[in-house]
């Protein structure tokens, strides 16, 4: 009986797409959310763990229209990229685009967003620096226009270019090229 249970557990684990990095970062997130960490703790989240998390969660959140999600960390900045089929994505969200937009957005597109991240005193601000769609960079006034006229009307709770509370007693996020340190405050 014990052997068949062990075989079943082994097979189930083998069928799961989750990785040890995913489970590691999930445990870390749970410790942060449940406020189990002492003040002054620096919880390190590696780029590898965060990528495992984003790959797993992206499939759950967006089963159609998004693939190959990837996160790259830099000095107080992060870049996220993915292959996106905007038409499939909007249909999956129950908001199919009109005919003209469907023609313009048809097919898969490689999208990369780079943002500067500043934090302290329990708050953070995410400032998009650039967006690339199929290698074409969008920044400055054009990026601000897209944020104001496309992103925010569709996602009004998105905190872009303005401070927001980190919650869970998080004092700040120290973003570095290979990891993010979550610093717990009082």
N, C-alpha and C. Protein backbone atom coordinates (compact mmCIF):
# COMPACT_ATOMS: atom_id res chain seq x y z
N UNK A 1 0.82 -1.19 0.00
CA UNK A 1 0.00 0.00 0.00
C UNK A 1 0.87 1.26 0.00
N UNK A 2 1.89 1.29 0.88
CA UNK A 2 2.76 2.46 0.94
C UNK A 2 3.48 2.67 -0.38
N UNK A 3 3.90 1.56 -1.00
CA UNK A 3 4.63 1.68 -2.26
C UNK A 3 3.74 2.26 -3.36
N UNK A 4 2.48 1.81 -3.45
CA UNK A 4 1.59 2.34 -4.48
C UNK A 4 1.27 3.81 -4.24
N UNK A 5 1.18 4.22 -2.98
CA UNK A 5 0.97 5.63 -2.67
C UNK A 5 2.18 6.45 -3.09
N UNK A 6 3.37 5.94 -2.81
CA UNK A 6 4.60 6.64 -3.19
C UNK A 6 4.70 6.77 -4.71
N UNK A 7 4.35 5.71 -5.44
CA UNK A 7 4.38 5.76 -6.90
C UNK A 7 3.36 6.78 -7.41
N UNK A 8 2.17 6.80 -6.82
CA UNK A 8 1.14 7.75 -7.24
C UNK A 8 1.60 9.19 -7.01
N UNK A 9 2.20 9.45 -5.85
CA UNK A 9 2.70 10.80 -5.55
C UNK A 9 3.80 11.18 -6.53
N UNK A 10 4.72 10.25 -6.80
CA UNK A 10 5.81 10.51 -7.73
C UNK A 10 5.28 10.83 -9.12
N UNK A 11 4.31 10.05 -9.59
CA UNK A 11 3.74 10.28 -10.92
C UNK A 11 3.01 11.61 -10.98
N UNK A 12 2.26 11.92 -9.93
CA UNK A 12 1.54 13.19 -9.90
C UNK A 12 2.51 14.36 -9.92
N UNK A 13 3.59 14.24 -9.18
CA UNK A 13 4.61 15.30 -9.16
C UNK A 13 5.25 15.43 -10.54
N UNK A 14 5.46 14.33 -11.21
CA UNK A 14 6.07 14.36 -12.54
C UNK A 14 5.17 14.99 -13.58
N UNK A 15 3.86 14.87 -13.39
CA UNK A 15 2.92 15.44 -14.34
C UNK A 15 2.72 16.94 -14.13
N UNK A 16 3.07 17.43 -12.95
CA UNK A 16 2.92 18.84 -12.66
C UNK A 16 3.97 19.65 -13.40
N UNK A 17 3.56 20.81 -13.90
CA UNK A 17 4.52 21.66 -14.59
C UNK A 17 5.27 22.56 -13.60
N UNK A 18 4.84 22.55 -12.35
CA UNK A 18 5.47 23.39 -11.34
C UNK A 18 6.88 22.92 -11.04
N UNK A 19 7.74 23.87 -10.74
CA UNK A 19 9.14 23.57 -10.46
C UNK A 19 9.46 23.86 -9.00
N UNK A 20 10.60 23.36 -8.52
CA UNK A 20 11.01 23.68 -7.14
C UNK A 20 11.12 25.20 -6.91
N UNK A 21 11.56 25.94 -7.92
CA UNK A 21 11.65 27.40 -7.78
C UNK A 21 10.27 28.02 -7.57
N UNK A 22 9.27 27.49 -8.26
CA UNK A 22 7.91 27.99 -8.10
C UNK A 22 7.43 27.74 -6.67
N UNK A 23 7.63 26.53 -6.17
CA UNK A 23 7.19 26.22 -4.82
C UNK A 23 7.96 27.03 -3.78
N UNK A 24 9.23 27.27 -4.03
CA UNK A 24 10.05 28.06 -3.12
C UNK A 24 9.52 29.49 -3.00
N UNK A 25 9.26 30.12 -4.12
CA UNK A 25 8.79 31.51 -4.08
C UNK A 25 7.36 31.57 -3.54
N UNK A 26 6.55 30.56 -3.80
CA UNK A 26 5.19 30.52 -3.24
C UNK A 26 5.26 30.50 -1.71
N UNK A 27 6.17 29.70 -1.14
CA UNK A 27 6.33 29.65 0.32
C UNK A 27 6.77 31.02 0.85
N UNK A 28 7.67 31.66 0.13
CA UNK A 28 8.13 32.99 0.55
C UNK A 28 6.98 34.00 0.51
N UNK A 29 6.19 33.98 -0.56
CA UNK A 29 5.05 34.89 -0.66
C UNK A 29 4.06 34.64 0.48
N UNK A 30 3.82 33.38 0.80
CA UNK A 30 2.89 33.04 1.89
C UNK A 30 3.41 33.57 3.22
N UNK A 31 4.72 33.44 3.48
CA UNK A 31 5.30 33.95 4.72
C UNK A 31 5.14 35.46 4.81
N UNK A 32 5.30 36.15 3.68
CA UNK A 32 5.13 37.60 3.65
C UNK A 32 3.66 37.96 3.87
N UNK A 33 2.76 37.30 3.15
CA UNK A 33 1.33 37.60 3.25
C UNK A 33 0.77 37.31 4.64
N UNK A 34 1.26 36.25 5.27
CA UNK A 34 0.79 35.89 6.62
C UNK A 34 1.54 36.65 7.71
N UNK A 35 2.43 37.54 7.30
CA UNK A 35 3.21 38.38 8.20
C UNK A 35 3.96 37.55 9.24
N UNK A 36 4.60 36.49 8.77
CA UNK A 36 5.35 35.58 9.64
C UNK A 36 6.81 36.00 9.80
N UNK A 37 7.23 37.04 9.11
CA UNK A 37 8.64 37.45 9.13
C UNK A 37 8.86 38.57 10.15
N UNK A 38 10.01 38.53 10.81
CA UNK A 38 10.35 39.53 11.82
C UNK A 38 10.72 40.85 11.16
N UNK A 39 10.48 41.97 11.86
CA UNK A 39 10.92 43.27 11.33
C UNK A 39 12.42 43.25 11.02
N UNK A 40 12.78 43.85 9.91
CA UNK A 40 14.17 43.89 9.48
C UNK A 40 14.58 42.73 8.58
N UNK A 41 13.72 41.73 8.43
CA UNK A 41 14.03 40.59 7.56
C UNK A 41 14.14 41.05 6.12
N UNK A 42 15.15 40.51 5.43
CA UNK A 42 15.32 40.73 3.98
C UNK A 42 15.05 39.39 3.29
N UNK A 43 13.90 39.25 2.69
CA UNK A 43 13.52 38.02 1.99
C UNK A 43 13.97 38.16 0.54
N UNK A 44 14.91 37.30 0.11
CA UNK A 44 15.43 37.35 -1.25
C UNK A 44 14.56 36.52 -2.19
N UNK A 45 14.14 37.12 -3.27
CA UNK A 45 13.39 36.44 -4.33
C UNK A 45 14.29 36.48 -5.56
N UNK A 46 14.77 35.31 -5.97
CA UNK A 46 15.69 35.28 -7.11
C UNK A 46 14.93 35.48 -8.42
N UNK A 47 15.66 35.95 -9.43
CA UNK A 47 15.07 36.12 -10.75
C UNK A 47 14.54 34.78 -11.26
N UNK A 48 15.25 33.70 -10.96
CA UNK A 48 14.83 32.37 -11.39
C UNK A 48 13.51 31.98 -10.72
N UNK A 49 13.38 32.25 -9.41
CA UNK A 49 12.13 31.95 -8.70
C UNK A 49 10.98 32.78 -9.26
N UNK A 50 11.24 34.07 -9.46
CA UNK A 50 10.18 34.95 -9.96
C UNK A 50 9.74 34.54 -11.36
N UNK A 51 10.68 34.13 -12.21
CA UNK A 51 10.30 33.65 -13.54
C UNK A 51 9.47 32.38 -13.46
N UNK A 52 9.82 31.47 -12.57
CA UNK A 52 9.03 30.25 -12.40
C UNK A 52 7.61 30.61 -11.96
N UNK A 53 7.50 31.56 -11.06
CA UNK A 53 6.19 32.00 -10.58
C UNK A 53 5.37 32.63 -11.71
N UNK A 54 5.98 33.54 -12.46
CA UNK A 54 5.25 34.21 -13.53
C UNK A 54 4.84 33.25 -14.63
N UNK A 55 5.69 32.29 -14.97
CA UNK A 55 5.32 31.30 -15.99
C UNK A 55 4.10 30.51 -15.53
N UNK A 56 4.13 30.03 -14.31
CA UNK A 56 3.03 29.21 -13.77
C UNK A 56 1.74 30.02 -13.64
N UNK A 57 1.84 31.20 -13.05
CA UNK A 57 0.64 32.00 -12.80
C UNK A 57 0.07 32.61 -14.08
N UNK A 58 0.91 32.91 -15.05
CA UNK A 58 0.42 33.47 -16.32
C UNK A 58 -0.48 32.47 -17.02
N UNK A 59 -0.10 31.20 -16.99
CA UNK A 59 -0.92 30.16 -17.63
C UNK A 59 -2.27 30.06 -16.94
N UNK A 60 -2.28 30.20 -15.62
CA UNK A 60 -3.55 30.14 -14.87
C UNK A 60 -4.42 31.37 -15.13
N UNK A 61 -3.79 32.54 -15.12
CA UNK A 61 -4.54 33.79 -15.27
C UNK A 61 -4.97 34.05 -16.71
N UNK A 62 -4.12 33.68 -17.66
CA UNK A 62 -4.37 33.97 -19.07
C UNK A 62 -4.07 32.71 -19.88
N UNK A 63 -5.00 31.75 -19.90
CA UNK A 63 -4.72 30.50 -20.61
C UNK A 63 -4.62 30.66 -22.12
N UNK A 64 -5.22 31.71 -22.67
CA UNK A 64 -5.15 31.93 -24.11
C UNK A 64 -4.68 33.35 -24.39
N UNK A 65 -3.79 33.49 -25.34
CA UNK A 65 -3.37 34.82 -25.77
C UNK A 65 -2.05 35.30 -25.20
N UNK A 66 -1.45 34.54 -24.27
CA UNK A 66 -0.17 34.95 -23.69
C UNK A 66 0.72 33.73 -23.53
N UNK A 67 1.96 33.85 -23.96
CA UNK A 67 2.92 32.75 -23.80
C UNK A 67 4.32 33.32 -23.60
N UNK A 68 5.21 32.48 -23.16
CA UNK A 68 6.62 32.80 -22.96
C UNK A 68 6.86 34.02 -22.07
N UNK A 69 6.14 34.14 -20.93
CA UNK A 69 6.39 35.28 -20.05
C UNK A 69 7.79 35.20 -19.45
N UNK A 70 8.45 36.33 -19.34
CA UNK A 70 9.82 36.36 -18.80
C UNK A 70 10.05 37.69 -18.09
N UNK A 71 10.76 37.60 -16.97
CA UNK A 71 11.11 38.77 -16.18
C UNK A 71 12.62 38.91 -16.16
N UNK A 72 13.11 40.11 -16.37
CA UNK A 72 14.54 40.42 -16.26
C UNK A 72 14.69 41.56 -15.27
N UNK A 73 15.56 41.37 -14.28
CA UNK A 73 15.76 42.38 -13.25
C UNK A 73 17.00 43.20 -13.54
N UNK A 74 16.97 44.45 -13.16
CA UNK A 74 18.11 45.35 -13.28
C UNK A 74 18.22 46.17 -12.01
N UNK A 75 19.05 47.18 -12.02
CA UNK A 75 19.23 48.05 -10.87
C UNK A 75 18.00 48.95 -10.72
N UNK A 76 17.15 48.65 -9.73
CA UNK A 76 15.90 49.37 -9.46
C UNK A 76 14.98 49.42 -10.68
N UNK A 77 15.05 48.38 -11.51
CA UNK A 77 14.13 48.29 -12.64
C UNK A 77 13.87 46.83 -12.98
N UNK A 78 12.79 46.62 -13.70
CA UNK A 78 12.43 45.28 -14.16
C UNK A 78 11.87 45.39 -15.57
N UNK A 79 12.12 44.34 -16.35
CA UNK A 79 11.55 44.24 -17.69
C UNK A 79 10.76 42.94 -17.75
N UNK A 80 9.56 43.04 -18.25
CA UNK A 80 8.74 41.86 -18.46
C UNK A 80 8.46 41.71 -19.93
N UNK A 81 8.55 40.49 -20.43
CA UNK A 81 8.26 40.28 -21.84
C UNK A 81 7.39 39.04 -22.00
N UNK A 82 6.69 38.98 -23.11
CA UNK A 82 5.84 37.84 -23.42
C UNK A 82 5.44 37.92 -24.89
N UNK A 83 4.98 36.81 -25.39
CA UNK A 83 4.37 36.78 -26.72
C UNK A 83 2.86 36.89 -26.48
N UNK A 84 2.25 37.90 -27.09
CA UNK A 84 0.84 38.18 -26.83
C UNK A 84 0.05 38.20 -28.13
N UNK A 85 -1.08 37.52 -28.12
CA UNK A 85 -2.06 37.61 -29.19
C UNK A 85 -3.18 38.47 -28.62
N UNK A 86 -3.18 39.76 -28.95
CA UNK A 86 -4.11 40.71 -28.35
C UNK A 86 -5.57 40.35 -28.62
N UNK A 87 -5.86 39.83 -29.81
CA UNK A 87 -7.24 39.47 -30.15
C UNK A 87 -7.71 38.33 -29.26
N UNK A 88 -6.90 37.27 -29.15
CA UNK A 88 -7.27 36.14 -28.27
C UNK A 88 -7.38 36.60 -26.82
N UNK A 89 -6.47 37.44 -26.40
CA UNK A 89 -6.46 37.93 -25.02
C UNK A 89 -7.73 38.71 -24.72
N UNK A 90 -8.11 39.62 -25.61
CA UNK A 90 -9.31 40.41 -25.38
C UNK A 90 -10.57 39.54 -25.44
N UNK A 91 -10.61 38.57 -26.34
CA UNK A 91 -11.76 37.66 -26.41
C UNK A 91 -11.87 36.86 -25.12
N UNK A 92 -10.74 36.38 -24.60
CA UNK A 92 -10.74 35.59 -23.36
C UNK A 92 -11.23 36.42 -22.17
N UNK A 93 -11.03 37.74 -22.23
CA UNK A 93 -11.49 38.63 -21.17
C UNK A 93 -12.94 39.07 -21.38
N UNK A 94 -13.56 38.55 -22.44
CA UNK A 94 -14.94 38.91 -22.73
C UNK A 94 -15.10 40.28 -23.36
N UNK A 95 -14.00 40.81 -23.92
CA UNK A 95 -14.02 42.14 -24.54
C UNK A 95 -13.42 42.05 -25.94
N UNK A 96 -14.09 41.35 -26.87
CA UNK A 96 -13.50 41.22 -28.21
C UNK A 96 -13.35 42.59 -28.87
N UNK A 97 -12.24 42.80 -29.57
CA UNK A 97 -12.04 44.09 -30.23
C UNK A 97 -12.97 44.23 -31.43
N UNK A 98 -13.16 45.47 -31.84
CA UNK A 98 -13.94 45.73 -33.06
C UNK A 98 -13.17 45.22 -34.27
N UNK A 99 -13.84 45.27 -35.42
CA UNK A 99 -13.24 44.71 -36.64
C UNK A 99 -11.90 45.36 -36.98
N UNK A 100 -11.84 46.69 -36.96
CA UNK A 100 -10.61 47.39 -37.33
C UNK A 100 -9.47 47.03 -36.37
N UNK A 101 -9.73 47.08 -35.08
CA UNK A 101 -8.68 46.74 -34.10
C UNK A 101 -8.28 45.28 -34.23
N UNK A 102 -9.23 44.40 -34.52
CA UNK A 102 -8.90 42.98 -34.70
C UNK A 102 -7.94 42.81 -35.88
N UNK A 103 -8.14 43.59 -36.94
CA UNK A 103 -7.24 43.50 -38.09
C UNK A 103 -5.85 44.04 -37.75
N UNK A 104 -5.80 45.13 -37.00
CA UNK A 104 -4.52 45.74 -36.63
C UNK A 104 -3.74 44.89 -35.62
N UNK A 105 -4.47 44.22 -34.72
CA UNK A 105 -3.83 43.48 -33.63
C UNK A 105 -3.69 41.99 -33.89
N UNK A 106 -4.12 41.52 -35.05
CA UNK A 106 -4.15 40.08 -35.34
C UNK A 106 -2.76 39.45 -35.21
N UNK A 107 -2.74 38.22 -34.72
CA UNK A 107 -1.49 37.46 -34.63
C UNK A 107 -0.75 37.67 -33.32
N UNK A 108 0.36 36.96 -33.21
CA UNK A 108 1.18 37.04 -32.00
C UNK A 108 2.22 38.16 -32.13
N UNK A 109 2.44 38.86 -31.03
CA UNK A 109 3.39 39.96 -31.00
C UNK A 109 4.28 39.82 -29.77
N UNK A 110 5.57 40.04 -29.95
CA UNK A 110 6.49 40.04 -28.82
C UNK A 110 6.44 41.41 -28.17
N UNK A 111 6.10 41.43 -26.89
CA UNK A 111 5.94 42.68 -26.15
C UNK A 111 6.91 42.68 -24.97
N UNK A 112 7.59 43.80 -24.79
CA UNK A 112 8.51 43.95 -23.65
C UNK A 112 8.24 45.31 -23.00
N UNK A 113 8.07 45.29 -21.68
CA UNK A 113 7.83 46.51 -20.91
C UNK A 113 8.96 46.65 -19.90
N UNK A 114 9.58 47.81 -19.85
CA UNK A 114 10.63 48.09 -18.87
C UNK A 114 10.14 49.22 -17.98
N UNK A 115 10.25 49.01 -16.65
CA UNK A 115 9.78 50.00 -15.69
C UNK A 115 10.81 50.21 -14.59
N UNK A 116 10.90 51.44 -14.12
CA UNK A 116 11.73 51.79 -12.98
C UNK A 116 10.88 51.60 -11.74
N UNK A 117 11.48 51.03 -10.68
CA UNK A 117 10.74 50.75 -9.46
C UNK A 117 11.43 51.47 -8.30
N UNK A 118 10.69 52.35 -7.65
CA UNK A 118 11.19 53.07 -6.49
C UNK A 118 10.31 52.70 -5.31
N UNK A 119 10.93 52.50 -4.14
CA UNK A 119 10.11 52.17 -2.98
C UNK A 119 10.78 52.62 -1.69
N UNK A 120 9.95 52.77 -0.67
CA UNK A 120 10.40 53.16 0.66
C UNK A 120 9.20 53.54 1.50
N UNK A 121 9.35 53.43 2.82
CA UNK A 121 8.29 53.81 3.76
C UNK A 121 6.98 53.09 3.47
N UNK A 122 7.06 51.84 3.02
CA UNK A 122 5.86 51.04 2.79
C UNK A 122 5.11 51.34 1.50
N UNK A 123 5.72 52.13 0.63
CA UNK A 123 5.07 52.49 -0.63
C UNK A 123 6.02 52.22 -1.79
N UNK A 124 5.46 52.07 -2.98
CA UNK A 124 6.27 51.87 -4.19
C UNK A 124 5.64 52.65 -5.34
N UNK A 125 6.48 53.00 -6.30
CA UNK A 125 6.02 53.65 -7.52
C UNK A 125 6.65 52.92 -8.70
N UNK A 126 5.83 52.58 -9.68
CA UNK A 126 6.29 51.92 -10.90
C UNK A 126 6.14 52.92 -12.04
N UNK A 127 7.29 53.28 -12.63
CA UNK A 127 7.30 54.23 -13.74
C UNK A 127 7.74 53.52 -15.02
N UNK A 128 6.81 53.25 -15.94
CA UNK A 128 7.20 52.63 -17.21
C UNK A 128 8.20 53.52 -17.95
N UNK A 129 9.26 52.90 -18.44
CA UNK A 129 10.29 53.62 -19.19
C UNK A 129 10.13 53.42 -20.69
N UNK A 130 9.77 52.19 -21.07
CA UNK A 130 9.59 51.92 -22.50
C UNK A 130 8.74 50.67 -22.69
N UNK A 131 8.15 50.60 -23.86
CA UNK A 131 7.41 49.42 -24.30
C UNK A 131 7.92 49.12 -25.69
N UNK A 132 8.19 47.85 -25.95
CA UNK A 132 8.57 47.42 -27.30
C UNK A 132 7.53 46.43 -27.79
N UNK A 133 7.04 46.65 -28.99
CA UNK A 133 6.12 45.71 -29.62
C UNK A 133 6.77 45.29 -30.93
N UNK A 134 7.10 44.01 -31.00
CA UNK A 134 7.80 43.46 -32.17
C UNK A 134 9.06 44.27 -32.49
N UNK A 135 9.78 44.68 -31.44
CA UNK A 135 11.04 45.38 -31.61
C UNK A 135 10.92 46.88 -31.84
N UNK A 136 9.71 47.39 -31.94
CA UNK A 136 9.51 48.83 -32.14
C UNK A 136 9.30 49.47 -30.76
N UNK A 137 10.21 50.38 -30.40
CA UNK A 137 10.19 51.01 -29.08
C UNK A 137 9.19 52.16 -29.03
N UNK A 138 8.50 52.22 -27.90
CA UNK A 138 7.57 53.31 -27.63
C UNK A 138 7.98 53.88 -26.27
N UNK A 139 8.25 55.19 -26.22
CA UNK A 139 8.63 55.81 -24.95
C UNK A 139 8.20 57.27 -24.97
N UNK A 140 8.47 57.97 -23.88
CA UNK A 140 8.17 59.40 -23.80
C UNK A 140 6.69 59.72 -23.94
N UNK A 141 6.36 60.79 -24.67
CA UNK A 141 4.97 61.23 -24.79
C UNK A 141 4.04 60.16 -25.39
N UNK A 142 4.54 59.38 -26.35
CA UNK A 142 3.69 58.34 -26.96
C UNK A 142 3.35 57.27 -25.92
N UNK A 143 4.31 56.88 -25.09
CA UNK A 143 4.06 55.90 -24.04
C UNK A 143 3.05 56.46 -23.04
N UNK A 144 3.22 57.72 -22.64
CA UNK A 144 2.27 58.34 -21.72
C UNK A 144 0.87 58.37 -22.31
N UNK A 145 0.77 58.64 -23.60
CA UNK A 145 -0.53 58.65 -24.28
C UNK A 145 -1.18 57.26 -24.21
N UNK A 146 -0.41 56.22 -24.49
CA UNK A 146 -0.95 54.85 -24.44
C UNK A 146 -1.39 54.47 -23.03
N UNK A 147 -0.61 54.87 -22.04
CA UNK A 147 -0.98 54.57 -20.65
C UNK A 147 -2.29 55.27 -20.30
N UNK A 148 -2.38 56.56 -20.60
CA UNK A 148 -3.57 57.34 -20.25
C UNK A 148 -4.81 56.95 -21.04
N UNK A 149 -4.65 56.62 -22.32
CA UNK A 149 -5.80 56.40 -23.19
C UNK A 149 -6.13 54.95 -23.49
N UNK A 150 -5.20 54.04 -23.19
CA UNK A 150 -5.47 52.63 -23.46
C UNK A 150 -5.44 51.80 -22.17
N UNK A 151 -4.33 51.88 -21.44
CA UNK A 151 -4.16 51.03 -20.26
C UNK A 151 -5.10 51.41 -19.12
N UNK A 152 -5.04 52.66 -18.67
CA UNK A 152 -5.82 53.06 -17.49
C UNK A 152 -7.33 52.98 -17.69
N UNK A 153 -7.89 53.32 -18.87
CA UNK A 153 -9.33 53.13 -19.03
C UNK A 153 -9.76 51.66 -18.91
N UNK A 154 -8.89 50.74 -19.33
CA UNK A 154 -9.22 49.31 -19.25
C UNK A 154 -8.91 48.72 -17.88
N UNK A 155 -7.92 49.28 -17.21
CA UNK A 155 -7.48 48.79 -15.89
C UNK A 155 -7.37 49.98 -14.94
N UNK A 156 -8.51 50.54 -14.53
CA UNK A 156 -8.49 51.78 -13.74
C UNK A 156 -7.81 51.67 -12.38
N UNK A 157 -7.66 50.48 -11.84
CA UNK A 157 -7.00 50.33 -10.54
C UNK A 157 -5.48 50.17 -10.66
N UNK A 158 -4.96 50.13 -11.88
CA UNK A 158 -3.51 50.00 -12.07
C UNK A 158 -2.82 51.24 -11.52
N UNK A 159 -1.83 51.04 -10.68
CA UNK A 159 -1.08 52.15 -10.09
C UNK A 159 0.16 52.41 -10.93
N UNK A 160 0.02 53.20 -11.95
CA UNK A 160 1.11 53.53 -12.87
C UNK A 160 1.51 54.98 -12.64
N UNK A 161 2.80 55.21 -12.45
CA UNK A 161 3.34 56.56 -12.24
C UNK A 161 2.79 57.24 -10.99
N UNK A 162 2.32 56.46 -10.03
CA UNK A 162 1.85 57.03 -8.76
C UNK A 162 2.12 56.03 -7.64
N UNK A 163 2.38 56.53 -6.44
CA UNK A 163 2.70 55.63 -5.32
C UNK A 163 1.51 54.76 -4.93
N UNK A 164 1.82 53.57 -4.43
CA UNK A 164 0.80 52.67 -3.89
C UNK A 164 1.37 51.96 -2.67
N UNK A 165 0.48 51.52 -1.80
CA UNK A 165 0.88 50.82 -0.58
C UNK A 165 1.36 49.41 -0.92
N UNK A 166 2.48 49.01 -0.32
CA UNK A 166 2.99 47.65 -0.52
C UNK A 166 2.22 46.65 0.33
N UNK A 167 1.80 47.03 1.52
CA UNK A 167 1.05 46.14 2.40
C UNK A 167 1.92 45.08 3.05
N UNK A 168 1.32 44.27 3.90
CA UNK A 168 1.97 43.14 4.57
C UNK A 168 3.25 43.54 5.31
N UNK A 169 3.28 44.77 5.82
CA UNK A 169 4.43 45.30 6.57
C UNK A 169 5.70 45.41 5.72
N UNK A 170 5.57 45.38 4.41
CA UNK A 170 6.75 45.53 3.54
C UNK A 170 7.20 46.98 3.60
N UNK A 171 8.46 47.18 3.96
CA UNK A 171 9.06 48.51 4.05
C UNK A 171 9.50 49.00 2.66
N UNK A 172 10.18 48.11 1.93
CA UNK A 172 10.65 48.49 0.60
C UNK A 172 11.04 47.25 -0.20
N UNK A 173 11.23 47.45 -1.49
CA UNK A 173 11.72 46.43 -2.40
C UNK A 173 13.05 46.91 -2.95
N UNK A 174 14.09 46.12 -2.76
CA UNK A 174 15.40 46.44 -3.34
C UNK A 174 15.59 45.57 -4.58
N UNK A 175 15.40 46.17 -5.74
CA UNK A 175 15.48 45.44 -7.00
C UNK A 175 16.92 45.53 -7.51
N UNK A 176 17.51 44.37 -7.73
CA UNK A 176 18.88 44.26 -8.21
C UNK A 176 18.89 43.35 -9.45
N UNK A 177 20.03 43.29 -10.17
CA UNK A 177 20.07 42.49 -11.40
C UNK A 177 19.73 41.00 -11.24
N UNK A 178 19.91 40.40 -10.09
CA UNK A 178 19.64 38.97 -9.99
C UNK A 178 18.54 38.62 -8.99
N UNK A 179 18.05 39.61 -8.24
CA UNK A 179 17.03 39.30 -7.23
C UNK A 179 16.32 40.56 -6.76
N UNK A 180 15.23 40.32 -6.04
CA UNK A 180 14.50 41.39 -5.36
C UNK A 180 14.53 41.05 -3.88
N UNK A 181 14.99 41.99 -3.06
CA UNK A 181 14.94 41.81 -1.61
C UNK A 181 13.69 42.51 -1.11
N UNK A 182 12.84 41.76 -0.42
CA UNK A 182 11.66 42.32 0.21
C UNK A 182 12.05 42.60 1.65
N UNK A 183 12.06 43.88 2.03
CA UNK A 183 12.49 44.27 3.37
C UNK A 183 11.24 44.50 4.22
N UNK A 184 11.17 43.76 5.33
CA UNK A 184 10.01 43.83 6.22
C UNK A 184 10.23 44.92 7.26
N UNK A 185 9.24 45.79 7.42
CA UNK A 185 9.30 46.86 8.41
C UNK A 185 8.58 46.45 9.69
N UNK A 186 8.21 47.42 10.47
CA UNK A 186 7.54 47.16 11.77
C UNK A 186 6.07 46.91 11.62
